[in-house]
Amino acid sequence: MLRRKILISQFFFLFCGLYNCNLLYASTESISAELIELKRQGWKVTETKSSIESRPGIKPYQNVKREVQVVKYKLKKGIEVLFCVVEYDSQKDTIQELCAETLKDAEKKLSR
């Protein structure tokens, strides 16, 4: 019986290692889901700008700078234009994404 439990647990750990089960528990929402859906609907990415911003750390690491990767997209579909901002925060280990009709609106809504 013990041998069987050990075998099952080894199989589980092997399976999780091969298929990245740890990603199921990541603290991120679906990565760029809105952007992917827009591309499926026929929107085309016409511009991309990527930068890394240093921001103050969050307690208890307020003395450590945290790096935030910010990627800004401009999308077009016919005469319509949308702007999307995707941010990856290294300290929080989160990805946030928001799309709006202007870049300022997207940045403002994302910073809330």
PDB file of N, CA and C in Angstrom:
ATOM      1  N   MET A   1       0.816  -1.191   0.000  1.00  0.00           N
ATOM      2  CA  MET A   1       0.000   0.000   0.000  1.00  0.00           C
ATOM      3  C   MET A   1       0.864   1.262   0.000  1.00  0.00           C
ATOM      4  N   LEU A   2       1.897   1.284   0.859  1.00  0.00           N
ATOM      5  CA  LEU A   2       2.801   2.424   0.932  1.00  0.00           C
ATOM      6  C   LEU A   2       3.545   2.600  -0.391  1.00  0.00           C
ATOM      7  N   ARG A   3       3.934   1.489  -0.970  1.00  0.00           N
ATOM      8  CA  ARG A   3       4.640   1.516  -2.249  1.00  0.00           C
ATOM      9  C   ARG A   3       3.761   2.159  -3.329  1.00  0.00           C
ATOM     10  N   ARG A   4       2.483   1.841  -3.293  1.00  0.00           N
ATOM     11  CA  ARG A   4       1.540   2.390  -4.278  1.00  0.00           C
ATOM     12  C   ARG A   4       1.393   3.908  -4.108  1.00  0.00           C
ATOM     13  N   LYS A   5       1.306   4.382  -2.844  1.00  0.00           N
ATOM     14  CA  LYS A   5       1.195   5.817  -2.575  1.00  0.00           C
ATOM     15  C   LYS A   5       2.441   6.560  -3.050  1.00  0.00           C
ATOM     16  N   ILE A   6       3.588   5.976  -2.812  1.00  0.00           N
ATOM     17  CA  ILE A   6       4.841   6.596  -3.257  1.00  0.00           C
ATOM     18  C   ILE A   6       4.876   6.673  -4.776  1.00  0.00           C
ATOM     19  N   LEU A   7       4.470   5.616  -5.434  1.00  0.00           N
ATOM     20  CA  LEU A   7       4.444   5.593  -6.893  1.00  0.00           C
ATOM     21  C   LEU A   7       3.487   6.651  -7.442  1.00  0.00           C
ATOM     22  N   ILE A   8       2.311   6.773  -6.832  1.00  0.00           N
ATOM     23  CA  ILE A   8       1.330   7.770  -7.275  1.00  0.00           C
ATOM     24  C   ILE A   8       1.870   9.181  -7.060  1.00  0.00           C
ATOM     25  N   SER A   9       2.488   9.434  -5.909  1.00  0.00           N
ATOM     26  CA  SER A   9       3.020  10.775  -5.649  1.00  0.00           C
ATOM     27  C   SER A   9       4.169  11.102  -6.599  1.00  0.00           C
ATOM     28  N   GLN A  10       5.019  10.137  -6.921  1.00  0.00           N
ATOM     29  CA  GLN A  10       6.097  10.375  -7.877  1.00  0.00           C
ATOM     30  C   GLN A  10       5.539  10.682  -9.258  1.00  0.00           C
ATOM     31  N   PHE A  11       4.521   9.949  -9.648  1.00  0.00           N
ATOM     32  CA  PHE A  11       3.888  10.200 -10.941  1.00  0.00           C
ATOM     33  C   PHE A  11       3.291  11.605 -10.981  1.00  0.00           C
ATOM     34  N   PHE A  12       2.624  12.016  -9.900  1.00  0.00           N
ATOM     35  CA  PHE A  12       2.024  13.340  -9.822  1.00  0.00           C
ATOM     36  C   PHE A  12       3.089  14.424  -9.964  1.00  0.00           C
ATOM     37  N   PHE A  13       4.195  14.311  -9.220  1.00  0.00           N
ATOM     38  CA  PHE A  13       5.252  15.314  -9.295  1.00  0.00           C
ATOM     39  C   PHE A  13       5.903  15.341 -10.674  1.00  0.00           C
ATOM     40  N   LEU A  14       6.088  14.189 -11.278  1.00  0.00           N
ATOM     41  CA  LEU A  14       6.643  14.124 -12.628  1.00  0.00           C
ATOM     42  C   LEU A  14       5.702  14.794 -13.617  1.00  0.00           C
ATOM     43  N   PHE A  15       4.413  14.485 -13.507  1.00  0.00           N
ATOM     44  CA  PHE A  15       3.410  15.070 -14.398  1.00  0.00           C
ATOM     45  C   PHE A  15       3.384  16.592 -14.255  1.00  0.00           C
ATOM     46  N   CYS A  16       3.385  17.082 -13.008  1.00  0.00           N
ATOM     47  CA  CYS A  16       3.371  18.531 -12.772  1.00  0.00           C
ATOM     48  C   CYS A  16       4.642  19.188 -13.297  1.00  0.00           C
ATOM     49  N   GLY A  17       5.759  18.532 -13.134  1.00  0.00           N
ATOM     50  CA  GLY A  17       7.007  19.087 -13.646  1.00  0.00           C
ATOM     51  C   GLY A  17       7.015  19.184 -15.156  1.00  0.00           C
ATOM     52  N   LEU A  18       6.470  18.175 -15.813  1.00  0.00           N
ATOM     53  CA  LEU A  18       6.452  18.176 -17.278  1.00  0.00           C
ATOM     54  C   LEU A  18       5.442  19.157 -17.853  1.00  0.00           C
ATOM     55  N   TYR A  19       4.337  19.344 -17.182  1.00  0.00           N
ATOM     56  CA  TYR A  19       3.259  20.163 -17.733  1.00  0.00           C
ATOM     57  C   TYR A  19       3.040  21.467 -16.979  1.00  0.00           C
ATOM     58  N   ASN A  20       4.022  21.875 -16.185  1.00  0.00           N
ATOM     59  CA  ASN A  20       3.987  23.163 -15.499  1.00  0.00           C
ATOM     60  C   ASN A  20       2.694  23.392 -14.733  1.00  0.00           C
ATOM     61  N   CYS A  21       2.330  22.459 -13.899  1.00  0.00           N
ATOM     62  CA  CYS A  21       1.118  22.618 -13.087  1.00  0.00           C
ATOM     63  C   CYS A  21       1.217  23.836 -12.179  1.00  0.00           C
ATOM     64  N   ASN A  22       2.436  24.254 -11.861  1.00  0.00           N
ATOM     65  CA  ASN A  22       2.577  25.423 -11.007  1.00  0.00           C
ATOM     66  C   ASN A  22       1.979  26.665 -11.654  1.00  0.00           C
ATOM     67  N   LEU A  23       1.869  26.697 -12.962  1.00  0.00           N
ATOM     68  CA  LEU A  23       1.278  27.852 -13.630  1.00  0.00           C
ATOM     69  C   LEU A  23      -0.212  27.959 -13.350  1.00  0.00           C
ATOM     70  N   LEU A  24      -0.837  26.865 -12.963  1.00  0.00           N
ATOM     71  CA  LEU A  24      -2.258  26.913 -12.633  1.00  0.00           C
ATOM     72  C   LEU A  24      -2.510  27.782 -11.413  1.00  0.00           C
ATOM     73  N   TYR A  25      -1.515  27.896 -10.560  1.00  0.00           N
ATOM     74  CA  TYR A  25      -1.688  28.636  -9.320  1.00  0.00           C
ATOM     75  C   TYR A  25      -1.007  29.997  -9.362  1.00  0.00           C
ATOM     76  N   ALA A  26      -0.568  30.456 -10.524  1.00  0.00           N
ATOM     77  CA  ALA A  26       0.084  31.759 -10.643  1.00  0.00           C
ATOM     78  C   ALA A  26      -0.900  32.857 -10.270  1.00  0.00           C
ATOM     79  N   SER A  27      -0.362  33.949  -9.744  1.00  0.00           N
ATOM     80  CA  SER A  27      -1.228  35.042  -9.293  1.00  0.00           C
ATOM     81  C   SER A  27      -1.504  36.033 -10.416  1.00  0.00           C
ATOM     82  N   THR A  28      -1.568  35.557 -11.627  1.00  0.00           N
ATOM     83  CA  THR A  28      -1.843  36.436 -12.760  1.00  0.00           C
ATOM     84  C   THR A  28      -3.171  36.064 -13.386  1.00  0.00           C
ATOM     85  N   GLU A  29      -3.775  37.053 -13.993  1.00  0.00           N
ATOM     86  CA  GLU A  29      -4.960  36.772 -14.775  1.00  0.00           C
ATOM     87  C   GLU A  29      -4.472  36.240 -16.112  1.00  0.00           C
ATOM     88  N   SER A  30      -5.389  35.874 -16.981  1.00  0.00           N
ATOM     89  CA  SER A  30      -4.961  35.342 -18.266  1.00  0.00           C
ATOM     90  C   SER A  30      -4.118  36.389 -18.990  1.00  0.00           C
ATOM     91  N   ILE A  31      -2.974  35.968 -19.491  1.00  0.00           N
ATOM     92  CA  ILE A  31      -1.984  36.871 -20.050  1.00  0.00           C
ATOM     93  C   ILE A  31      -2.479  37.474 -21.350  1.00  0.00           C
ATOM     94  N   SER A  32      -2.630  38.783 -21.356  1.00  0.00           N
ATOM     95  CA  SER A  32      -3.018  39.537 -22.544  1.00  0.00           C
ATOM     96  C   SER A  32      -4.248  38.955 -23.230  1.00  0.00           C
ATOM     97  N   ALA A  33      -5.194  38.499 -22.444  1.00  0.00           N
ATOM     98  CA  ALA A  33      -6.390  37.881 -23.018  1.00  0.00           C
ATOM     99  C   ALA A  33      -7.172  38.855 -23.883  1.00  0.00           C
ATOM    100  N   GLU A  34      -7.293  40.095 -23.416  1.00  0.00           N
ATOM    101  CA  GLU A  34      -8.045  41.092 -24.178  1.00  0.00           C
ATOM    102  C   GLU A  34      -7.350  41.392 -25.505  1.00  0.00           C
ATOM    103  N   LEU A  35      -6.035  41.523 -25.467  1.00  0.00           N
ATOM    104  CA  LEU A  35      -5.268  41.798 -26.677  1.00  0.00           C
ATOM    105  C   LEU A  35      -5.372  40.643 -27.669  1.00  0.00           C
ATOM    106  N   ILE A  36      -5.277  39.424 -27.176  1.00  0.00           N
ATOM    107  CA  ILE A  36      -5.401  38.250 -28.045  1.00  0.00           C
ATOM    108  C   ILE A  36      -6.787  38.197 -28.675  1.00  0.00           C
ATOM    109  N   GLU A  37      -7.812  38.479 -27.878  1.00  0.00           N
ATOM    110  CA  GLU A  37      -9.181  38.463 -28.402  1.00  0.00           C
ATOM    111  C   GLU A  37      -9.375  39.533 -29.475  1.00  0.00           C
ATOM    112  N   LEU A  38      -8.801  40.709 -29.272  1.00  0.00           N
ATOM    113  CA  LEU A  38      -8.899  41.766 -30.284  1.00  0.00           C
ATOM    114  C   LEU A  38      -8.223  41.340 -31.586  1.00  0.00           C
ATOM    115  N   LYS A  39      -7.081  40.684 -31.477  1.00  0.00           N
ATOM    116  CA  LYS A  39      -6.389  40.207 -32.685  1.00  0.00           C
ATOM    117  C   LYS A  39      -7.231  39.163 -33.413  1.00  0.00           C
ATOM    118  N   ARG A  40      -7.915  38.324 -32.658  1.00  0.00           N
ATOM    119  CA  ARG A  40      -8.802  37.328 -33.275  1.00  0.00           C
ATOM    120  C   ARG A  40      -9.963  37.995 -34.006  1.00  0.00           C
ATOM    121  N   GLN A  41     -10.368  39.164 -33.509  1.00  0.00           N
ATOM    122  CA  GLN A  41     -11.478  39.888 -34.116  1.00  0.00           C
ATOM    123  C   GLN A  41     -11.049  40.733 -35.315  1.00  0.00           C
ATOM    124  N   GLY A  42      -9.773  40.637 -35.695  1.00  0.00           N
ATOM    125  CA  GLY A  42      -9.311  41.342 -36.885  1.00  0.00           C
ATOM    126  C   GLY A  42      -8.518  42.606 -36.634  1.00  0.00           C
ATOM    127  N   TRP A  43      -8.274  42.954 -35.383  1.00  0.00           N
ATOM    128  CA  TRP A  43      -7.460  44.121 -35.071  1.00  0.00           C
ATOM    129  C   TRP A  43      -5.997  43.790 -35.371  1.00  0.00           C
ATOM    130  N   LYS A  44      -5.269  44.763 -35.893  1.00  0.00           N
ATOM    131  CA  LYS A  44      -3.852  44.597 -36.226  1.00  0.00           C
ATOM    132  C   LYS A  44      -3.006  45.496 -35.334  1.00  0.00           C
ATOM    133  N   VAL A  45      -1.927  44.950 -34.794  1.00  0.00           N
ATOM    134  CA  VAL A  45      -0.994  45.740 -33.992  1.00  0.00           C
ATOM    135  C   VAL A  45      -0.134  46.546 -34.955  1.00  0.00           C
ATOM    136  N   THR A  46      -0.201  47.883 -34.839  1.00  0.00           N
ATOM    137  CA  THR A  46       0.567  48.743 -35.745  1.00  0.00           C
ATOM    138  C   THR A  46       1.785  49.357 -35.069  1.00  0.00           C
ATOM    139  N   GLU A  47       1.760  49.462 -33.745  1.00  0.00           N
ATOM    140  CA  GLU A  47       2.903  50.004 -33.001  1.00  0.00           C
ATOM    141  C   GLU A  47       3.039  49.265 -31.680  1.00  0.00           C
ATOM    142  N   THR A  48       4.286  49.088 -31.268  1.00  0.00           N
ATOM    143  CA  THR A  48       4.581  48.486 -29.971  1.00  0.00           C
ATOM    144  C   THR A  48       5.736  49.254 -29.350  1.00  0.00           C
ATOM    145  N   LYS A  49       5.577  49.655 -28.093  1.00  0.00           N
ATOM    146  CA  LYS A  49       6.653  50.313 -27.354  1.00  0.00           C
ATOM    147  C   LYS A  49       6.800  49.594 -26.020  1.00  0.00           C
ATOM    148  N   SER A  50       8.020  49.200 -25.712  1.00  0.00           N
ATOM    149  CA  SER A  50       8.283  48.479 -24.473  1.00  0.00           C
ATOM    150  C   SER A  50       9.293  49.254 -23.637  1.00  0.00           C
ATOM    151  N   SER A  51       9.055  49.308 -22.337  1.00  0.00           N
ATOM    152  CA  SER A  51       9.993  49.976 -21.436  1.00  0.00           C
ATOM    153  C   SER A  51       9.941  49.293 -20.076  1.00  0.00           C
ATOM    154  N   ILE A  52      10.967  49.546 -19.286  1.00  0.00           N
ATOM    155  CA  ILE A  52      11.008  49.028 -17.922  1.00  0.00           C
ATOM    156  C   ILE A  52      11.077  50.227 -16.991  1.00  0.00           C
ATOM    157  N   GLU A  53      10.120  50.296 -16.069  1.00  0.00           N
ATOM    158  CA  GLU A  53      10.049  51.399 -15.121  1.00  0.00           C
ATOM    159  C   GLU A  53      10.471  50.907 -13.744  1.00  0.00           C
ATOM    160  N   SER A  54      11.225  51.744 -13.034  1.00  0.00           N
ATOM    161  CA  SER A  54      11.556  51.460 -11.636  1.00  0.00           C
ATOM    162  C   SER A  54      10.558  52.204 -10.773  1.00  0.00           C
ATOM    163  N   ARG A  55       9.887  51.475  -9.900  1.00  0.00           N
ATOM    164  CA  ARG A  55       8.887  52.061  -9.010  1.00  0.00           C
ATOM    165  C   ARG A  55       9.250  51.724  -7.573  1.00  0.00           C
ATOM    166  N   PRO A  56       8.724  52.488  -6.621  1.00  0.00           N
ATOM    167  CA  PRO A  56       9.013  52.177  -5.216  1.00  0.00           C
ATOM    168  C   PRO A  56       8.491  50.791  -4.845  1.00  0.00           C
ATOM    169  N   GLY A  57       9.204  50.143  -3.954  1.00  0.00           N
ATOM    170  CA  GLY A  57       8.787  48.823  -3.502  1.00  0.00           C
ATOM    171  C   GLY A  57       7.555  48.886  -2.618  1.00  0.00           C
ATOM    172  N   ILE A  58       6.920  47.743  -2.449  1.00  0.00           N
ATOM    173  CA  ILE A  58       5.728  47.621  -1.618  1.00  0.00           C
ATOM    174  C   ILE A  58       6.140  46.963  -0.307  1.00  0.00           C
ATOM    175  N   LYS A  59       5.552  47.433   0.813  1.00  0.00           N
ATOM    176  CA  LYS A  59       5.897  46.888   2.131  1.00  0.00           C
ATOM    177  C   LYS A  59       5.820  45.376   2.125  1.00  0.00           C
ATOM    178  N   PRO A  60       6.693  44.678   2.751  1.00  0.00           N
ATOM    179  CA  PRO A  60       7.783  45.124   3.609  1.00  0.00           C
ATOM    180  C   PRO A  60       9.077  45.420   2.846  1.00  0.00           C
ATOM    181  N   TYR A  61       9.012  45.516   1.527  1.00  0.00           N
ATOM    182  CA  TYR A  61      10.205  45.762   0.709  1.00  0.00           C
ATOM    183  C   TYR A  61      10.194  47.166   0.130  1.00  0.00           C
ATOM    184  N   GLN A  62       9.718  48.155   0.894  1.00  0.00           N
ATOM    185  CA  GLN A  62       9.592  49.508   0.383  1.00  0.00           C
ATOM    186  C   GLN A  62      10.934  50.149   0.040  1.00  0.00           C
ATOM    187  N   ASN A  63      12.026  49.622   0.571  1.00  0.00           N
ATOM    188  CA  ASN A  63      13.350  50.172   0.279  1.00  0.00           C
ATOM    189  C   ASN A  63      13.977  49.571  -0.974  1.00  0.00           C
ATOM    190  N   VAL A  64      13.311  48.600  -1.566  1.00  0.00           N
ATOM    191  CA  VAL A  64      13.818  47.941  -2.767  1.00  0.00           C
ATOM    192  C   VAL A  64      13.000  48.411  -3.965  1.00  0.00           C
ATOM    193  N   LYS A  65      13.678  48.846  -4.997  1.00  0.00           N
ATOM    194  CA  LYS A  65      12.972  49.255  -6.218  1.00  0.00           C
ATOM    195  C   LYS A  65      12.375  48.024  -6.877  1.00  0.00           C
ATOM    196  N   ARG A  66      11.181  48.182  -7.421  1.00  0.00           N
ATOM    197  CA  ARG A  66      10.589  47.074  -8.165  1.00  0.00           C
ATOM    198  C   ARG A  66      10.558  47.447  -9.633  1.00  0.00           C
ATOM    199  N   GLU A  67      10.806  46.471 -10.459  1.00  0.00           N
ATOM    200  CA  GLU A  67      10.833  46.680 -11.903  1.00  0.00           C
ATOM    201  C   GLU A  67       9.467  46.333 -12.480  1.00  0.00           C
ATOM    202  N   VAL A  68       8.956  47.219 -13.328  1.00  0.00           N
ATOM    203  CA  VAL A  68       7.678  46.991 -13.987  1.00  0.00           C
ATOM    204  C   VAL A  68       7.902  47.122 -15.488  1.00  0.00           C
ATOM    205  N   GLN A  69       7.661  46.044 -16.211  1.00  0.00           N
ATOM    206  CA  GLN A  69       7.771  46.094 -17.665  1.00  0.00           C
ATOM    207  C   GLN A  69       6.436  46.581 -18.211  1.00  0.00           C
ATOM    208  N   VAL A  70       6.495  47.627 -19.030  1.00  0.00           N
ATOM    209  CA  VAL A  70       5.293  48.224 -19.606  1.00  0.00           C
ATOM    210  C   VAL A  70       5.383  48.096 -21.124  1.00  0.00           C
ATOM    211  N   VAL A  71       4.369  47.490 -21.721  1.00  0.00           N
ATOM    212  CA  VAL A  71       4.313  47.358 -23.179  1.00  0.00           C
ATOM    213  C   VAL A  71       3.040  48.054 -23.646  1.00  0.00           C
ATOM    214  N   LYS A  72       3.214  49.017 -24.560  1.00  0.00           N
ATOM    215  CA  LYS A  72       2.082  49.778 -25.091  1.00  0.00           C
ATOM    216  C   LYS A  72       1.857  49.378 -26.538  1.00  0.00           C
ATOM    217  N   TYR A  73       0.603  49.086 -26.865  1.00  0.00           N
ATOM    218  CA  TYR A  73       0.229  48.649 -28.209  1.00  0.00           C
ATOM    219  C   TYR A  73      -0.754  49.638 -28.820  1.00  0.00           C
ATOM    220  N   LYS A  74      -0.591  49.868 -30.105  1.00  0.00           N
ATOM    221  CA  LYS A  74      -1.579  50.625 -30.876  1.00  0.00           C
ATOM    222  C   LYS A  74      -2.161  49.644 -31.881  1.00  0.00           C
ATOM    223  N   LEU A  75      -3.489  49.516 -31.875  1.00  0.00           N
ATOM    224  CA  LEU A  75      -4.164  48.574 -32.764  1.00  0.00           C
ATOM    225  C   LEU A  75      -5.100  49.324 -33.695  1.00  0.00           C
ATOM    226  N   LYS A  76      -5.237  48.804 -34.908  1.00  0.00           N
ATOM    227  CA  LYS A  76      -6.153  49.392 -35.886  1.00  0.00           C
ATOM    228  C   LYS A  76      -7.022  48.310 -36.500  1.00  0.00           C
ATOM    229  N   LYS A  77      -8.254  48.715 -36.782  1.00  0.00           N
ATOM    230  CA  LYS A  77      -9.188  47.866 -37.516  1.00  0.00           C
ATOM    231  C   LYS A  77     -10.016  48.824 -38.362  1.00  0.00           C
ATOM    232  N   GLY A  78      -9.706  48.873 -39.657  1.00  0.00           N
ATOM    233  CA  GLY A  78     -10.356  49.860 -40.524  1.00  0.00           C
ATOM    234  C   GLY A  78      -9.922  51.251 -40.102  1.00  0.00           C
ATOM    235  N   ILE A  79     -10.892  52.109 -39.768  1.00  0.00           N
ATOM    236  CA  ILE A  79     -10.544  53.463 -39.313  1.00  0.00           C
ATOM    237  C   ILE A  79     -10.537  53.571 -37.787  1.00  0.00           C
ATOM    238  N   GLU A  80     -10.904  52.487 -37.104  1.00  0.00           N
ATOM    239  CA  GLU A  80     -10.924  52.489 -35.642  1.00  0.00           C
ATOM    240  C   GLU A  80      -9.519  52.275 -35.084  1.00  0.00           C
ATOM    241  N   VAL A  81      -9.236  52.920 -33.956  1.00  0.00           N
ATOM    242  CA  VAL A  81      -7.936  52.800 -33.290  1.00  0.00           C
ATOM    243  C   VAL A  81      -8.168  52.507 -31.811  1.00  0.00           C
ATOM    244  N   LEU A  82      -7.398  51.586 -31.273  1.00  0.00           N
ATOM    245  CA  LEU A  82      -7.416  51.261 -29.843  1.00  0.00           C
ATOM    246  C   LEU A  82      -5.989  51.246 -29.322  1.00  0.00           C
ATOM    247  N   PHE A  83      -5.848  51.526 -28.029  1.00  0.00           N
ATOM    248  CA  PHE A  83      -4.555  51.466 -27.370  1.00  0.00           C
ATOM    249  C   PHE A  83      -4.653  50.493 -26.203  1.00  0.00           C
ATOM    250  N   CYS A  84      -3.655  49.636 -26.072  1.00  0.00           N
ATOM    251  CA  CYS A  84      -3.613  48.678 -24.964  1.00  0.00           C
ATOM    252  C   CYS A  84      -2.300  48.856 -24.213  1.00  0.00           C
ATOM    253  N   VAL A  85      -2.378  48.734 -22.901  1.00  0.00           N
ATOM    254  CA  VAL A  85      -1.193  48.791 -22.052  1.00  0.00           C
ATOM    255  C   VAL A  85      -1.155  47.499 -21.243  1.00  0.00           C
ATOM    256  N   VAL A  86      -0.007  46.815 -21.298  1.00  0.00           N
ATOM    257  CA  VAL A  86       0.195  45.578 -20.542  1.00  0.00           C
ATOM    258  C   VAL A  86       1.382  45.810 -19.616  1.00  0.00           C
ATOM    259  N   GLU A  87       1.182  45.551 -18.311  1.00  0.00           N
ATOM    260  CA  GLU A  87       2.242  45.747 -17.326  1.00  0.00           C
ATOM    261  C   GLU A  87       2.525  44.448 -16.584  1.00  0.00           C
ATOM    262  N   TYR A  88       3.824  44.135 -16.455  1.00  0.00           N
ATOM    263  CA  TYR A  88       4.245  43.013 -15.610  1.00  0.00           C
ATOM    264  C   TYR A  88       5.004  43.594 -14.429  1.00  0.00           C
ATOM    265  N   ASP A  89       4.516  43.358 -13.230  1.00  0.00           N
ATOM    266  CA  ASP A  89       5.129  43.860 -12.005  1.00  0.00           C
ATOM    267  C   ASP A  89       5.936  42.730 -11.369  1.00  0.00           C
ATOM    268  N   SER A  90       7.247  42.924 -11.276  1.00  0.00           N
ATOM    269  CA  SER A  90       8.125  41.859 -10.777  1.00  0.00           C
ATOM    270  C   SER A  90       7.916  41.561  -9.299  1.00  0.00           C
ATOM    271  N   GLN A  91       7.585  42.562  -8.499  1.00  0.00           N
ATOM    272  CA  GLN A  91       7.424  42.316  -7.067  1.00  0.00           C
ATOM    273  C   GLN A  91       6.091  41.644  -6.764  1.00  0.00           C
ATOM    274  N   LYS A  92       5.047  42.072  -7.428  1.00  0.00           N
ATOM    275  CA  LYS A  92       3.731  41.467  -7.204  1.00  0.00           C
ATOM    276  C   LYS A  92       3.560  40.185  -8.008  1.00  0.00           C
ATOM    277  N   ASP A  93       4.404  39.992  -9.024  1.00  0.00           N
ATOM    278  CA  ASP A  93       4.307  38.865  -9.956  1.00  0.00           C
ATOM    279  C   ASP A  93       2.910  38.811 -10.576  1.00  0.00           C
ATOM    280  N   THR A  94       2.502  39.967 -11.113  1.00  0.00           N
ATOM    281  CA  THR A  94       1.186  40.070 -11.746  1.00  0.00           C
ATOM    282  C   THR A  94       1.305  40.709 -13.121  1.00  0.00           C
ATOM    283  N   ILE A  95       0.350  40.403 -13.956  1.00  0.00           N
ATOM    284  CA  ILE A  95       0.234  41.030 -15.269  1.00  0.00           C
ATOM    285  C   ILE A  95      -1.121  41.713 -15.317  1.00  0.00           C
ATOM    286  N   GLN A  96      -1.109  42.989 -15.694  1.00  0.00           N
ATOM    287  CA  GLN A  96      -2.349  43.744 -15.843  1.00  0.00           C
ATOM    288  C   GLN A  96      -2.440  44.229 -17.278  1.00  0.00           C
ATOM    289  N   GLU A  97      -3.648  44.298 -17.784  1.00  0.00           N
ATOM    290  CA  GLU A  97      -3.850  44.729 -19.165  1.00  0.00           C
ATOM    291  C   GLU A  97      -5.125  45.548 -19.246  1.00  0.00           C
ATOM    292  N   LEU A  98      -5.063  46.609 -20.049  1.00  0.00           N
ATOM    293  CA  LEU A  98      -6.260  47.403 -20.267  1.00  0.00           C
ATOM    294  C   LEU A  98      -6.193  48.042 -21.643  1.00  0.00           C
ATOM    295  N   CYS A  99      -7.317  48.088 -22.317  1.00  0.00           N
ATOM    296  CA  CYS A  99      -7.409  48.724 -23.629  1.00  0.00           C
ATOM    297  C   CYS A  99      -8.439  49.843 -23.561  1.00  0.00           C
ATOM    298  N   ALA A 100      -8.178  50.931 -24.304  1.00  0.00           N
ATOM    299  CA  ALA A 100      -9.090  52.068 -24.343  1.00  0.00           C
ATOM    300  C   ALA A 100      -8.915  52.793 -25.676  1.00  0.00           C
ATOM    301  N   GLU A 101      -9.774  53.787 -25.901  1.00  0.00           N
ATOM    302  CA  GLU A 101      -9.732  54.525 -27.166  1.00  0.00           C
ATOM    303  C   GLU A 101      -8.553  55.479 -27.253  1.00  0.00           C
ATOM    304  N   THR A 102      -8.011  55.905 -26.101  1.00  0.00           N
ATOM    305  CA  THR A 102      -6.807  56.738 -26.107  1.00  0.00           C
ATOM    306  C   THR A 102      -5.776  56.105 -25.178  1.00  0.00           C
ATOM    307  N   LEU A 103      -4.517  56.403 -25.438  1.00  0.00           N
ATOM    308  CA  LEU A 103      -3.442  55.860 -24.612  1.00  0.00           C
ATOM    309  C   LEU A 103      -3.546  56.391 -23.185  1.00  0.00           C
ATOM    310  N   LYS A 104      -3.878  57.668 -23.041  1.00  0.00           N
ATOM    311  CA  LYS A 104      -4.001  58.258 -21.703  1.00  0.00           C
ATOM    312  C   LYS A 104      -5.109  57.588 -20.898  1.00  0.00           C
ATOM    313  N   ASP A 105      -6.233  57.287 -21.550  1.00  0.00           N
ATOM    314  CA  ASP A 105      -7.329  56.600 -20.855  1.00  0.00           C
ATOM    315  C   ASP A 105      -6.900  55.215 -20.387  1.00  0.00           C
ATOM    316  N   ALA A 106      -6.191  54.495 -21.233  1.00  0.00           N
ATOM    317  CA  ALA A 106      -5.729  53.149 -20.870  1.00  0.00           C
ATOM    318  C   ALA A 106      -4.763  53.214 -19.693  1.00  0.00           C
ATOM    319  N   GLU A 107      -3.819  54.160 -19.734  1.00  0.00           N
ATOM    320  CA  GLU A 107      -2.853  54.296 -18.645  1.00  0.00           C
ATOM    321  C   GLU A 107      -3.541  54.721 -17.351  1.00  0.00           C
ATOM    322  N   LYS A 108      -4.498  55.636 -17.457  1.00  0.00           N
ATOM    323  CA  LYS A 108      -5.202  56.129 -16.273  1.00  0.00           C
ATOM    324  C   LYS A 108      -6.018  55.018 -15.614  1.00  0.00           C
ATOM    325  N   LYS A 109      -6.741  54.254 -16.414  1.00  0.00           N
ATOM    326  CA  LYS A 109      -7.565  53.173 -15.869  1.00  0.00           C
ATOM    327  C   LYS A 109      -6.701  52.068 -15.270  1.00  0.00           C
ATOM    328  N   LEU A 110      -5.540  51.823 -15.879  1.00  0.00           N
ATOM    329  CA  LEU A 110      -4.654  50.767 -15.395  1.00  0.00           C
ATOM    330  C   LEU A 110      -4.025  51.147 -14.059  1.00  0.00           C
ATOM    331  N   SER A 111      -3.748  52.426 -13.857  1.00  0.00           N
ATOM    332  CA  SER A 111      -3.077  52.860 -12.632  1.00  0.00           C
ATOM    333  C   SER A 111      -3.993  52.875 -11.419  1.00  0.00           C
ATOM    334  N   ARG A 112      -5.285  52.680 -11.580  1.00  0.00           N
ATOM    335  CA  ARG A 112      -6.224  52.676 -10.440  1.00  0.00           C
ATOM    336  C   ARG A 112      -6.053  51.458  -9.589  1.00  0.00           C
TER     337      ARG A 112
END
